[in-house]
Every structure is written in structure tokens, then in C-alpha cells.
């Protein structure tokens, strides 16, 4: 994992993805854009209440710095589902320059070059996938609902069905999000994990500071979901968004008065 800086812009990249030479990618931080007020300064979300123009400018800044094909960005429309959309050239620009025309999509996949896939996060876990053999990519928004419903596994399964992906050929990265240090949950949330993930008790523990509350490692949960599918090359950023609110927006730390980061990956 590397923290990159170009002028005022700061963004995260992963060594394992970078070393393949097959993609451009990043996870943004709060720094380097033109947003003001509590969105300052690199808000990537159009649904946060900010005017469109500063957000559009942030997308242009990111494209210029990282080398993304700016006119072809395609974004998710996240509602904590496990729905995955295959993106083609016909989708180019959707969610940034044009209307999406689809809803309830928390994962995007493609095998077409020069289409940056975009998901959003402000504590939720971003998962990046690259099939090195078949040259296909995927990116998923895995909040606690998505993680508990095995979203990382489901987007990989969709790549397997659509592109013939072998998990052994996949390079994966798990980006900045809320860490075990800060992810506190109660019994109803824990029940979702217990229902869907047999080894839940191995990654959860009681919070000694709060009766009836628990702490869980969402990074390890998503890593293990991928590993059990056969993915061997998985890099975890280890950066907690709630702990570092100077660098990241955090829903649990800031509430609704905030921007949102973006996870972006593009085949080249």
C-alpha cells in the first residue's frame, strides 16, 4: 500500500495491483479537490448535497493525476445490496457525465479497457479485484450489510460466471475503511453475520467498554471470504477511516455532514 501525493491531491494505491501493469487504480482521500465547507475538499459523491460542478472538477483532477479515462467513468448506485452490474462501453460516463439509468448496484465488473469503475465509501469496505489472466476487473462496496451478505464472494462469483475467472488468477485489495478498533455493533447486526458466515465467532469479540456491544474485523472477514474462494494475493490497506478523519471522511465519525471517497479501477 502506498500513499501518493501529487500537488495537493492525496490518494491510496496498492502494491500488488500496481505491479501487474494491467490497471490504473486508487482510493481517494479528503485531500486535493475543490469542494468547500464540510465536503472539503475531495468529495466524490453527487448525493451528498454539494453542487455538481465542484464534484465534477474533483473527477477531472483525479483523472489527470492518476491517468483515468475521464469521459468514461461509471459509478455504482449503492443501497447495500449484493447486486453486481457488468459494465460495457455503452455505459461510459454513467453516474458522472450522464444519468445512470440503473439503481441498486453495489458492485461493478468489466473486461473492457479504459472504463474506470467507481464505488464509494466513508467507512464501508472497498474491495478491488483483478483477473490477471482474462483481463477483467471488479470493484465492490462492502458495508457491514454487504460484508454480512458475502458481497466480496458474490462479485467474484459473478466474474467467474461472466469472464471465466479462476480465483487463483485474481489479485485483490481491501481498501481504507472502518477497522476493528472502531467498528462496534449490537446483537441484531451480529445476527446477520452468524446467519451467513459460519466462522463469525472467530472474528468477533465482546466490546469490554460497552455492554451488549461487539467489535468485528471487517477487513479479515472480506479477506477470508476471498481466500476461501481461492484468491491468494490479497493486500489490505490497514487504514481505519474513523481513526483518521483528517485524511478520510467517516460516516460514524462525522455523520451526514461530510463528503465521500471513491475507489476506482480501470483496465489499461
Protein backbone atom coordinates (compact mmCIF):
# COMPACT_ATOMS: atom_id res chain seq x y z
CA UNK A 1 0.00 0.00 0.00
CA UNK A 2 1.22 3.47 -0.86
CA UNK A 3 0.02 6.97 0.00
CA UNK A 4 0.57 9.05 -3.14
CA UNK A 5 0.75 12.83 -3.32
CA UNK A 6 0.55 14.99 -6.44
CA UNK A 7 0.34 18.67 -5.57
CA UNK A 8 -2.47 18.82 -3.00
CA UNK A 9 -4.04 15.55 -4.13
CA UNK A 10 -3.57 12.51 -1.90
CA UNK A 11 -4.70 9.00 -2.82
CA UNK A 12 -4.04 5.37 -1.90
CA UNK A 13 -2.75 2.67 -4.24
CA UNK A 14 -1.90 -0.98 -3.70
CA UNK A 15 1.45 -2.52 -4.49
CA UNK A 16 0.05 -5.83 -5.74
CA UNK A 17 -2.32 -4.19 -8.23
CA UNK A 18 0.32 -1.67 -9.33
CA UNK A 19 2.89 -4.37 -10.01
CA UNK A 20 0.67 -6.15 -12.56
CA UNK A 21 0.87 -3.23 -15.00
CA UNK A 22 -2.69 -4.06 -16.08
CA UNK A 23 -4.69 -1.39 -14.28
CA UNK A 24 -4.81 2.14 -13.02
CA UNK A 25 -6.48 2.39 -9.64
CA UNK A 26 -6.80 4.33 -6.42
CA UNK A 27 -8.81 5.06 -3.33
CA UNK A 28 -9.22 8.77 -2.74
CA UNK A 29 -8.78 10.71 0.49
CA UNK A 30 -10.24 14.06 1.60
CA UNK A 31 -7.34 15.99 0.11
CA UNK A 32 -6.71 17.61 -3.25
CA UNK A 33 -10.07 18.72 -4.58
CA UNK A 34 -12.07 21.93 -4.82
CA UNK A 35 -15.01 21.13 -2.54
CA UNK A 36 -15.60 23.51 0.36
CA UNK A 37 -17.46 23.59 3.68
CA UNK A 38 -17.85 20.19 5.30
CA UNK A 39 -17.34 18.49 1.91
CA UNK A 40 -13.79 19.82 1.74
CA UNK A 41 -12.02 19.09 -0.33
CA UNK A 42 -12.12 15.91 -2.45
CA UNK A 43 -15.79 14.92 -2.23
CA UNK A 44 -16.54 12.35 -4.94
CA UNK A 45 -20.27 11.96 -4.28
CA UNK A 46 -23.09 13.74 -6.10
CA UNK A 47 -25.64 12.68 -3.47
CA UNK A 48 -24.05 14.49 -0.52
CA UNK A 49 -25.84 17.81 -1.07
CA UNK A 50 -22.96 19.62 -2.75
CA UNK A 51 -23.39 21.35 -6.12
CA UNK A 52 -22.38 19.27 -9.14
CA UNK A 53 -19.63 21.48 -10.50
CA UNK A 54 -17.08 21.05 -7.67
CA UNK A 55 -17.61 17.28 -7.72
CA UNK A 56 -17.16 17.16 -11.48
CA UNK A 57 -13.95 19.14 -11.07
CA UNK A 58 -12.74 16.63 -8.49
CA UNK A 59 -13.26 13.83 -11.02
CA UNK A 60 -11.23 15.79 -13.58
CA UNK A 61 -8.44 16.40 -11.06
CA UNK A 62 -8.29 12.69 -10.21
CA UNK A 63 -8.26 11.63 -13.86
CA UNK A 64 -5.41 13.98 -14.68
CA UNK A 65 -3.33 12.85 -11.72
CA UNK A 66 -3.83 9.08 -11.96
CA UNK A 67 -4.42 8.81 -15.70
CA UNK A 68 -8.02 7.64 -15.68
CA UNK A 69 -10.09 7.99 -18.86
CA UNK A 70 -12.19 10.84 -17.50
CA UNK A 71 -15.04 10.70 -20.01
CA UNK A 72 -15.68 7.00 -19.29
CA UNK A 73 -16.16 6.92 -15.50
CA UNK A 74 -19.02 4.58 -14.47
CA UNK A 75 -20.32 4.67 -10.91
CA UNK A 76 -22.27 2.36 -8.65
CA UNK A 77 -25.64 3.30 -7.13
CA UNK A 78 -25.19 1.88 -3.66
CA UNK A 79 -28.05 0.69 -1.48
CA UNK A 80 -26.21 -2.04 0.50
CA UNK A 81 -27.24 -4.81 -1.90
CA UNK A 82 -25.18 -7.63 -3.35
CA UNK A 83 -26.19 -6.70 -6.91
CA UNK A 84 -23.38 -6.65 -9.47
CA UNK A 85 -23.56 -4.94 -12.86
CA UNK A 86 -21.48 -5.81 -15.90
CA UNK A 87 -20.23 -2.57 -17.42
CA UNK A 88 -19.62 -2.15 -21.17
CA UNK A 89 -18.65 0.72 -23.44
CA UNK A 90 -22.35 1.59 -23.71
CA UNK A 91 -22.24 2.62 -20.04
CA UNK A 92 -19.33 5.04 -20.41
CA UNK A 93 -19.91 8.21 -18.41
CA UNK A 94 -22.88 6.93 -16.43
CA UNK A 95 -23.12 8.37 -12.94
CA UNK A 96 -20.73 11.24 -13.64
CA UNK A 97 -21.46 12.84 -17.01
CA UNK A 98 -24.82 11.22 -17.75
CA UNK A 99 -27.67 9.62 -15.83
CA UNK A 100 -27.05 6.06 -14.70
CA UNK A 101 -30.33 4.51 -15.79
CA UNK A 102 -29.92 1.79 -13.17
CA UNK A 103 -30.32 1.54 -9.42
CA UNK A 104 -29.34 -0.73 -6.53
CA UNK A 105 -25.87 -1.66 -7.73
CA UNK A 106 -23.07 -2.15 -5.18
CA UNK A 107 -20.61 -3.94 -7.44
CA UNK A 108 -19.26 -3.31 -10.94
CA UNK A 109 -17.32 -5.62 -13.26
CA UNK A 110 -15.92 -5.28 -16.77
CA UNK A 111 -13.42 -6.80 -19.17
CA UNK A 112 -13.29 -3.71 -21.39
CA UNK A 113 -10.36 -1.34 -21.30
CA UNK A 114 -10.42 2.36 -20.45
CA UNK A 115 -13.61 2.31 -18.36
CA UNK A 116 -12.89 3.45 -14.79
CA UNK A 117 -15.26 1.67 -12.39
CA UNK A 118 -16.19 3.75 -9.33
CA UNK A 119 -17.61 2.79 -5.95
CA UNK A 120 -17.96 4.97 -2.87
CA UNK A 121 -17.07 4.69 0.81
CA UNK A 122 -16.89 6.61 4.05
CA UNK A 123 -16.26 3.68 6.45
CA UNK A 124 -17.57 0.82 4.25
CA UNK A 125 -15.03 -1.63 2.86
CA UNK A 126 -13.93 -1.18 -0.78
CA UNK A 127 -12.84 -4.42 -2.46
CA UNK A 128 -10.82 -4.35 -5.71
CA UNK A 129 -10.42 -7.43 -7.93
CA UNK A 130 -8.24 -8.06 -10.98
CA UNK A 131 -8.29 -11.23 -13.07
CA UNK A 132 -4.76 -11.17 -14.49
CA UNK A 133 -5.32 -14.00 -16.97
CA UNK A 134 -8.60 -12.91 -18.56
CA UNK A 135 -8.01 -9.19 -18.04
CA UNK A 136 -11.18 -8.40 -16.12
CA UNK A 137 -11.78 -6.21 -13.08
CA UNK A 138 -14.34 -5.73 -10.35
CA UNK A 139 -14.91 -3.32 -7.50
CA UNK A 140 -17.40 -3.73 -4.67
CA UNK A 141 -18.88 -1.66 -1.87
CA UNK A 142 -18.96 -3.90 1.20
CA UNK A 143 -20.51 -2.18 4.18
CA UNK A 144 -21.44 -4.27 7.18
CA UNK A 145 -24.62 -5.33 5.38
CA UNK A 146 -22.75 -6.26 2.22
CA UNK A 147 -19.99 -7.97 4.15
CA UNK A 148 -22.51 -9.93 6.22
CA UNK A 149 -24.24 -10.96 2.99
CA UNK A 150 -20.92 -12.11 1.48
CA UNK A 151 -20.68 -9.42 -1.22
CA UNK A 152 -16.95 -9.99 -1.85
CA UNK A 153 -17.69 -13.63 -2.62
CA UNK A 154 -20.66 -12.76 -4.82
CA UNK A 155 -18.83 -10.30 -7.04
CA UNK A 156 -16.05 -12.84 -7.53
CA UNK A 157 -18.63 -15.49 -8.42
CA UNK A 158 -20.10 -13.08 -10.97
CA UNK A 159 -16.64 -12.63 -12.53
CA UNK A 160 -16.27 -16.39 -12.65
CA UNK A 161 -19.61 -16.78 -14.45
CA UNK A 162 -19.15 -13.85 -16.79
CA UNK A 163 -15.45 -13.93 -17.66
CA UNK A 164 -14.35 -17.45 -16.69
CA UNK A 165 -12.24 -16.05 -13.86
CA UNK A 166 -10.19 -18.52 -11.84
CA UNK A 167 -9.77 -17.16 -8.28
CA UNK A 168 -6.15 -18.33 -8.34
CA UNK A 169 -5.51 -15.73 -11.07
CA UNK A 170 -7.03 -12.89 -9.04
CA UNK A 171 -5.14 -10.06 -7.39
CA UNK A 172 -7.30 -8.41 -4.70
CA UNK A 173 -7.06 -5.37 -2.47
CA UNK A 174 -9.10 -4.26 0.54
CA UNK A 175 -9.06 -0.51 0.93
CA UNK A 176 -9.33 2.00 3.77
CA UNK A 177 -12.50 1.59 5.83
CA UNK A 178 -13.58 1.28 9.42
CA UNK A 179 -11.26 -1.01 11.36
CA UNK A 180 -11.95 -3.44 14.16
CA UNK A 181 -10.75 -0.72 16.50
CA UNK A 182 -13.86 1.34 15.68
CA UNK A 183 -16.50 -0.99 14.21
CA UNK A 184 -18.90 -1.52 17.08
CA UNK A 185 -22.15 -3.43 16.56
CA UNK A 186 -25.05 -4.84 18.53
CA UNK A 187 -26.85 -8.20 18.58
CA UNK A 188 -29.15 -7.59 15.57
CA UNK A 189 -26.15 -6.78 13.36
CA UNK A 190 -24.18 -9.72 14.71
CA UNK A 191 -27.15 -11.97 13.90
CA UNK A 192 -26.70 -11.27 10.18
CA UNK A 193 -23.09 -12.46 10.31
CA UNK A 194 -23.96 -15.51 12.39
CA UNK A 195 -26.64 -16.43 9.86
CA UNK A 196 -24.42 -16.16 6.78
CA UNK A 197 -20.82 -16.66 7.92
CA UNK A 198 -20.02 -19.89 9.81
CA UNK A 199 -16.78 -18.58 11.32
CA UNK A 200 -18.23 -15.35 12.68
CA UNK A 201 -17.16 -16.17 16.26
CA UNK A 202 -13.52 -16.24 15.10
CA UNK A 203 -13.57 -12.59 14.00
CA UNK A 204 -15.85 -11.01 16.61
CA UNK A 205 -15.33 -10.23 20.27
CA UNK A 206 -17.31 -8.53 23.01
CA UNK A 207 -16.57 -4.85 23.47
CA UNK A 208 -15.28 -4.58 27.05
CA UNK A 209 -16.21 -0.90 27.12
CA UNK A 210 -19.90 -1.32 26.25
CA UNK A 211 -22.44 -3.86 27.50
CA UNK A 212 -24.16 -5.76 24.70
CA UNK A 213 -21.80 -4.42 22.03
CA UNK A 214 -19.26 -6.24 19.87
CA UNK A 215 -16.20 -5.45 17.75
CA UNK A 216 -15.58 -7.13 14.40
CA UNK A 217 -12.74 -7.15 11.88
CA UNK A 218 -14.44 -6.43 8.54
CA UNK A 219 -11.07 -6.49 6.74
CA UNK A 220 -10.43 -10.06 7.88
CA UNK A 221 -13.98 -11.08 7.06
CA UNK A 222 -13.67 -9.91 3.46
CA UNK A 223 -10.16 -11.30 3.15
CA UNK A 224 -11.31 -14.70 4.33
CA UNK A 225 -14.34 -14.73 2.03
CA UNK A 226 -12.00 -14.21 -0.92
CA UNK A 227 -9.36 -16.63 0.36
CA UNK A 228 -11.92 -19.39 0.77
CA UNK A 229 -12.81 -18.92 -2.90
CA UNK A 230 -9.16 -19.48 -3.80
CA UNK A 231 -7.76 -15.95 -4.03
CA UNK A 232 -4.17 -16.00 -2.77
CA UNK A 233 -2.89 -12.48 -3.48
CA UNK A 234 -4.77 -10.11 -1.17
CA UNK A 235 -3.44 -6.78 0.09
CA UNK A 236 -5.11 -4.93 2.97
CA UNK A 237 -4.50 -1.22 3.50
CA UNK A 238 -4.88 -1.39 7.26
CA UNK A 239 -6.08 2.24 7.36
CA UNK A 240 -9.10 3.00 9.54
CA UNK A 241 -11.28 5.78 8.19
CA UNK A 242 -12.84 6.61 11.55
CA UNK A 243 -9.47 6.83 13.30
CA UNK A 244 -8.03 9.19 10.67
CA UNK A 245 -10.72 11.77 9.96
CA UNK A 246 -8.09 14.29 8.88
CA UNK A 247 -7.38 12.05 5.89
CA UNK A 248 -10.73 10.34 5.33
CA UNK A 249 -14.44 11.05 5.54
CA UNK A 250 -16.10 8.82 8.15
CA UNK A 251 -19.84 8.26 8.46
CA UNK A 252 -19.55 7.08 12.04
CA UNK A 253 -17.24 9.91 12.92
CA UNK A 254 -18.90 12.76 11.04
CA UNK A 255 -22.50 11.76 10.44
CA UNK A 256 -24.17 13.16 7.35
CA UNK A 257 -22.15 16.39 7.14
CA UNK A 258 -19.30 15.01 5.06
CA UNK A 259 -18.17 14.03 1.61
CA UNK A 260 -17.39 10.54 0.34
CA UNK A 261 -14.28 8.83 -1.03
CA UNK A 262 -14.11 6.82 -4.25
CA UNK A 263 -12.50 3.52 -5.12
CA UNK A 264 -11.59 3.50 -8.82
CA UNK A 265 -10.08 0.83 -11.07
CA UNK A 266 -9.56 0.82 -14.87
CA UNK A 267 -8.10 -1.75 -17.25
CA UNK A 268 -5.37 -0.29 -19.45
